[in-house]
N, C-alpha and C. Protein backbone atom coordinates (compact mmCIF):
# COMPACT_ATOMS: atom_id res chain seq x y z
N MET A 1 -67.43 -27.97 1.79
CA MET A 1 -67.23 -29.28 1.03
C MET A 1 -65.99 -29.85 2.15
N GLN A 2 -66.14 -31.10 2.40
CA GLN A 2 -64.91 -31.38 3.06
C GLN A 2 -64.18 -32.30 2.71
N ASP A 3 -62.80 -32.40 3.10
CA ASP A 3 -61.80 -33.02 2.52
C ASP A 3 -61.97 -34.58 2.82
N SER A 4 -62.22 -35.76 1.81
CA SER A 4 -62.62 -36.97 2.13
C SER A 4 -61.32 -37.51 2.52
N ARG A 5 -60.03 -36.76 2.36
CA ARG A 5 -58.68 -37.47 2.67
C ARG A 5 -58.31 -37.56 4.38
N THR A 6 -58.88 -36.45 4.92
CA THR A 6 -58.56 -36.34 6.44
C THR A 6 -59.96 -36.81 7.23
N SER A 7 -61.26 -36.73 6.72
CA SER A 7 -62.59 -36.92 7.44
C SER A 7 -62.36 -38.61 7.90
N ALA A 8 -61.88 -39.38 7.14
CA ALA A 8 -61.37 -40.87 7.41
C ALA A 8 -60.47 -40.80 8.54
N THR A 9 -59.71 -40.25 9.08
CA THR A 9 -59.05 -40.16 10.08
C THR A 9 -59.49 -39.80 11.45
N ARG A 10 -60.61 -38.98 11.32
CA ARG A 10 -61.00 -38.33 12.69
C ARG A 10 -62.41 -38.91 12.73
N PRO A 11 -62.54 -39.00 14.35
CA PRO A 11 -64.13 -39.77 14.65
C PRO A 11 -65.09 -38.69 13.92
N LYS A 12 -66.13 -39.61 13.72
CA LYS A 12 -67.58 -38.52 13.43
C LYS A 12 -67.79 -37.70 14.26
N GLY A 13 -68.20 -36.28 13.88
CA GLY A 13 -68.75 -35.16 14.41
C GLY A 13 -67.39 -34.24 14.78
N GLN A 14 -66.01 -34.76 14.80
CA GLN A 14 -65.12 -33.92 15.13
C GLN A 14 -64.71 -33.22 13.90
N THR A 15 -64.44 -31.72 14.24
CA THR A 15 -63.85 -30.89 13.20
C THR A 15 -62.43 -31.22 13.05
N GLN A 16 -62.17 -30.52 11.27
CA GLN A 16 -60.41 -30.82 11.51
C GLN A 16 -59.80 -29.74 12.48
N SER A 17 -60.15 -28.88 12.91
CA SER A 17 -59.61 -27.81 13.92
C SER A 17 -59.45 -28.93 15.35
N ASP A 18 -60.58 -29.53 15.52
CA ASP A 18 -60.72 -30.32 16.65
C ASP A 18 -59.62 -31.51 16.34
N HIS A 19 -59.10 -32.08 15.55
CA HIS A 19 -58.28 -32.92 14.89
C HIS A 19 -57.08 -32.82 15.18
N ILE A 20 -56.79 -31.31 15.14
CA ILE A 20 -55.35 -30.96 15.23
C ILE A 20 -54.79 -31.04 16.63
N ALA A 21 -53.53 -31.68 17.25
CA ALA A 21 -53.05 -32.02 18.53
C ALA A 21 -52.80 -30.57 19.34
N ALA A 22 -53.67 -30.72 20.14
CA ALA A 22 -53.19 -29.45 21.17
C ALA A 22 -52.02 -29.64 21.63
N PRO A 23 -51.71 -28.36 21.99
CA PRO A 23 -50.13 -28.68 22.55
C PRO A 23 -50.09 -28.72 24.18
N ARG A 24 -49.01 -29.34 24.51
CA ARG A 24 -49.32 -30.04 25.74
C ARG A 24 -49.12 -28.93 26.87
N GLY A 25 -49.47 -29.44 27.84
CA GLY A 25 -49.48 -28.31 29.01
C GLY A 25 -48.06 -27.49 29.30
N ARG A 26 -47.84 -26.25 29.39
CA ARG A 26 -46.53 -25.95 29.93
C ARG A 26 -46.95 -25.10 31.68
N VAL A 27 -45.80 -25.33 32.47
CA VAL A 27 -45.76 -24.34 33.59
C VAL A 27 -44.70 -24.04 33.69
N ASP A 28 -44.38 -23.09 33.91
CA ASP A 28 -42.93 -22.40 34.58
C ASP A 28 -42.84 -22.82 35.92
N VAL A 29 -41.61 -23.39 36.12
CA VAL A 29 -41.25 -23.94 37.57
C VAL A 29 -41.41 -23.09 38.60
N ARG A 30 -41.55 -21.65 38.30
CA ARG A 30 -41.69 -20.82 39.50
C ARG A 30 -43.27 -20.82 39.87
N GLN A 31 -43.80 -21.06 38.93
CA GLN A 31 -45.05 -21.38 39.42
C GLN A 31 -45.33 -22.58 40.58
N LEU A 32 -44.70 -23.54 40.08
CA LEU A 32 -44.88 -24.79 41.08
C LEU A 32 -44.24 -24.46 42.38
N VAL A 33 -43.03 -23.96 42.33
CA VAL A 33 -42.28 -23.64 43.87
C VAL A 33 -42.41 -22.40 44.38
N GLY A 34 -42.93 -21.38 43.30
CA GLY A 34 -42.72 -20.04 44.18
C GLY A 34 -41.84 -19.07 44.61
N GLN A 35 -41.65 -18.73 45.56
CA GLN A 35 -40.48 -18.41 46.23
C GLN A 35 -39.67 -19.20 47.22
N HIS A 36 -39.60 -20.29 47.08
CA HIS A 36 -39.08 -21.51 47.61
C HIS A 36 -38.17 -22.35 46.63
N ARG A 37 -37.54 -23.26 46.89
CA ARG A 37 -36.30 -23.56 46.39
C ARG A 37 -36.60 -24.92 45.62
N LYS A 38 -37.96 -25.68 46.56
CA LYS A 38 -38.39 -26.97 46.61
C LYS A 38 -39.89 -27.03 46.77
N VAL A 39 -40.49 -28.15 45.97
CA VAL A 39 -41.98 -28.46 46.51
C VAL A 39 -42.11 -29.76 46.24
N THR A 40 -43.27 -30.31 47.16
CA THR A 40 -43.52 -31.85 47.29
C THR A 40 -44.71 -31.97 46.29
N ILE A 41 -44.17 -32.88 45.53
CA ILE A 41 -45.30 -33.18 44.51
C ILE A 41 -45.82 -34.47 44.52
N SER A 42 -47.04 -34.97 44.93
CA SER A 42 -47.99 -36.45 44.96
C SER A 42 -48.18 -36.84 43.73
N HIS A 43 -47.98 -38.06 43.25
CA HIS A 43 -48.36 -38.56 42.39
C HIS A 43 -48.57 -40.20 42.82
N GLY A 44 -49.51 -40.53 42.34
CA GLY A 44 -49.78 -42.29 42.25
C GLY A 44 -49.47 -42.78 43.73
N GLY A 45 -49.93 -41.97 44.89
CA GLY A 45 -50.30 -42.35 46.55
C GLY A 45 -48.60 -41.82 46.72
N GLU A 46 -47.42 -41.64 46.38
CA GLU A 46 -46.25 -41.59 46.37
C GLU A 46 -45.71 -39.89 46.44
N ASP A 47 -44.82 -39.43 47.45
CA ASP A 47 -44.24 -38.06 47.30
C ASP A 47 -42.78 -37.97 46.55
N TYR A 48 -43.00 -36.73 45.99
CA TYR A 48 -41.76 -36.46 45.20
C TYR A 48 -41.15 -35.31 45.47
N ILE A 49 -39.86 -34.55 45.56
CA ILE A 49 -39.44 -33.48 45.98
C ILE A 49 -38.80 -32.92 44.65
N LEU A 50 -39.58 -31.65 43.89
CA LEU A 50 -38.78 -30.90 43.17
C LEU A 50 -38.07 -29.99 43.76
N ARG A 51 -36.83 -30.03 43.14
CA ARG A 51 -35.77 -28.88 43.69
C ARG A 51 -34.99 -28.11 42.61
N ILE A 52 -34.88 -26.90 42.87
CA ILE A 52 -34.18 -26.15 42.02
C ILE A 52 -32.61 -25.75 42.61
N THR A 53 -31.43 -26.17 42.19
CA THR A 53 -30.07 -26.11 42.60
C THR A 53 -29.64 -25.04 42.37
N ARG A 54 -28.73 -24.34 42.95
CA ARG A 54 -28.09 -23.32 43.14
C ARG A 54 -27.53 -22.86 41.79
N ASN A 55 -27.47 -23.76 40.65
CA ASN A 55 -26.85 -23.62 39.27
C ASN A 55 -28.27 -23.46 38.83
N GLY A 56 -29.49 -23.73 39.27
CA GLY A 56 -30.47 -23.48 38.25
C GLY A 56 -31.22 -24.78 37.62
N LYS A 57 -30.76 -26.01 37.92
CA LYS A 57 -30.98 -26.87 37.29
C LYS A 57 -31.79 -27.48 38.48
N LEU A 58 -32.89 -28.56 37.89
CA LEU A 58 -34.14 -29.38 38.44
C LEU A 58 -33.72 -30.72 38.61
N ILE A 59 -34.04 -31.12 40.03
CA ILE A 59 -33.79 -32.37 40.47
C ILE A 59 -34.95 -32.92 41.27
N LEU A 60 -35.59 -34.07 40.60
CA LEU A 60 -37.04 -34.78 41.04
C LEU A 60 -36.57 -35.80 41.87
N THR A 61 -36.56 -36.03 42.99
CA THR A 61 -36.09 -37.00 44.03
C THR A 61 -37.55 -37.79 44.61
N LYS A 62 -37.24 -39.23 45.16
CA LYS A 62 -38.14 -39.63 45.77
C LYS A 62 -38.14 -39.72 47.14
């Protein structure tokens, strides 16, 4: 039996487990930069540089 309180908020055919928000993607910065301290990221036709500082902070510049 389906709970009528929650079925009204989901699109038809979607189960309650489908309706639960999926966790946002998570990537460890080391997967992006590998052995390097910086990586170039392309977004919307623009290039950005993501850099790890000596103090372990992240800086994103255009």
